[in-house]
C-alpha cells in the first residue's frame, strides 16, 4: 500500500537484521493507492526468512523474488549519467 512510512517499515526490517539493501526504486502505480517497490539485495541464506517476514507486513500485498536480478537494475548507471 502507498502511504507514508511503508518504505521505512520495509527497509527497517532489512536494517534490523543487518541486511544491506544495495538499491531501492519505489513508484506509485494505478490510482496511487499502491506502490511497487524494487529492492536490490545480495543473495544470502537469511533471504528466505526475510521474505516470509515481509509477507506478514499488512502493507505488503505481493512479493516476487528475481534470483538473477531484475532488468530495472541492469543499466541503472545509464539513467544517472551526469
Protein backbone atom coordinates (compact mmCIF):
# COMPACT_ATOMS: atom_id res chain seq x y z
CA UNK A 1 0.00 0.00 0.00
CA UNK A 2 1.14 3.53 -0.72
CA UNK A 3 1.18 5.74 2.35
CA UNK A 4 3.84 7.48 4.46
CA UNK A 5 6.10 5.14 6.38
CA UNK A 6 5.71 1.96 4.31
CA UNK A 7 9.17 2.15 2.75
CA UNK A 8 10.70 2.93 6.16
CA UNK A 9 8.97 -0.11 7.65
CA UNK A 10 10.20 -2.41 4.89
CA UNK A 11 13.75 -1.06 4.90
CA UNK A 12 13.75 -1.16 8.71
CA UNK A 13 13.04 -4.88 8.56
CA UNK A 14 16.21 -5.33 6.49
CA UNK A 15 18.24 -2.99 8.71
CA UNK A 16 17.24 -4.72 11.95
CA UNK A 17 18.65 -7.93 10.53
CA UNK A 18 21.88 -6.25 9.32
CA UNK A 19 20.89 -6.99 5.73
CA UNK A 20 22.30 -4.45 3.27
CA UNK A 21 19.99 -3.03 0.59
CA UNK A 22 22.08 -2.23 -2.50
CA UNK A 23 19.35 -0.41 -4.42
CA UNK A 24 15.80 0.85 -3.96
CA UNK A 25 13.26 2.02 -6.51
CA UNK A 26 9.72 2.89 -5.46
CA UNK A 27 6.90 4.31 -7.57
CA UNK A 28 3.14 4.68 -7.23
CA UNK A 29 1.03 2.54 -9.56
CA UNK A 30 -2.56 2.74 -10.73
CA UNK A 31 -4.55 5.37 -8.88
CA UNK A 32 -1.67 5.99 -6.44
CA UNK A 33 -3.10 3.95 -3.59
CA UNK A 34 -0.46 1.27 -4.16
CA UNK A 35 3.26 1.35 -4.89
CA UNK A 36 5.71 -1.03 -6.46
CA UNK A 37 8.96 -1.29 -4.56
CA UNK A 38 12.07 -2.86 -6.05
CA UNK A 39 14.89 -3.81 -3.68
CA UNK A 40 18.29 -4.98 -4.85
CA UNK A 41 19.92 -7.20 -2.24
CA UNK A 42 22.66 -9.81 -2.24
CA UNK A 43 21.66 -13.46 -2.06
CA UNK A 44 22.04 -14.72 1.49
CA UNK A 45 20.84 -17.76 3.43
CA UNK A 46 18.68 -15.38 5.51
CA UNK A 47 16.78 -14.05 2.49
CA UNK A 48 14.10 -16.76 2.54
CA UNK A 49 13.21 -15.99 6.16
CA UNK A 50 13.23 -12.25 5.45
CA UNK A 51 10.78 -12.75 2.56
CA UNK A 52 8.44 -14.63 4.90
CA UNK A 53 8.61 -11.78 7.39
CA UNK A 54 7.92 -9.22 4.64
CA UNK A 55 4.75 -11.09 3.65
CA UNK A 56 3.49 -10.78 7.23
CA UNK A 57 3.51 -6.98 6.94
CA UNK A 58 -0.02 -5.69 6.41
CA UNK A 59 1.05 -3.27 3.65
CA UNK A 60 2.92 -5.89 1.61
CA UNK A 61 0.38 -7.32 -0.83
CA UNK A 62 2.65 -9.38 -3.08
CA UNK A 63 6.30 -10.36 -3.26
CA UNK A 64 8.31 -11.57 -6.25
CA UNK A 65 11.85 -12.87 -5.93
CA UNK A 66 14.01 -12.49 -9.04
CA UNK A 67 17.00 -14.72 -8.28
CA UNK A 68 19.07 -13.38 -11.16
CA UNK A 69 18.22 -9.74 -10.54
CA UNK A 70 15.69 -7.61 -12.36
CA UNK A 71 16.15 -5.68 -15.58
CA UNK A 72 15.27 -2.44 -13.79
CA UNK A 73 18.68 -2.53 -12.06
CA UNK A 74 20.74 -3.81 -15.03
CA UNK A 75 21.61 -0.48 -16.66
CA UNK A 76 20.99 1.85 -13.75
CA UNK A 77 24.23 3.76 -14.42
CA UNK A 78 22.86 4.82 -17.83
CA UNK A 79 19.96 6.62 -16.18
CA UNK A 80 22.11 8.64 -13.79
CA UNK A 81 24.95 9.82 -16.01
CA UNK A 82 25.94 13.35 -15.12
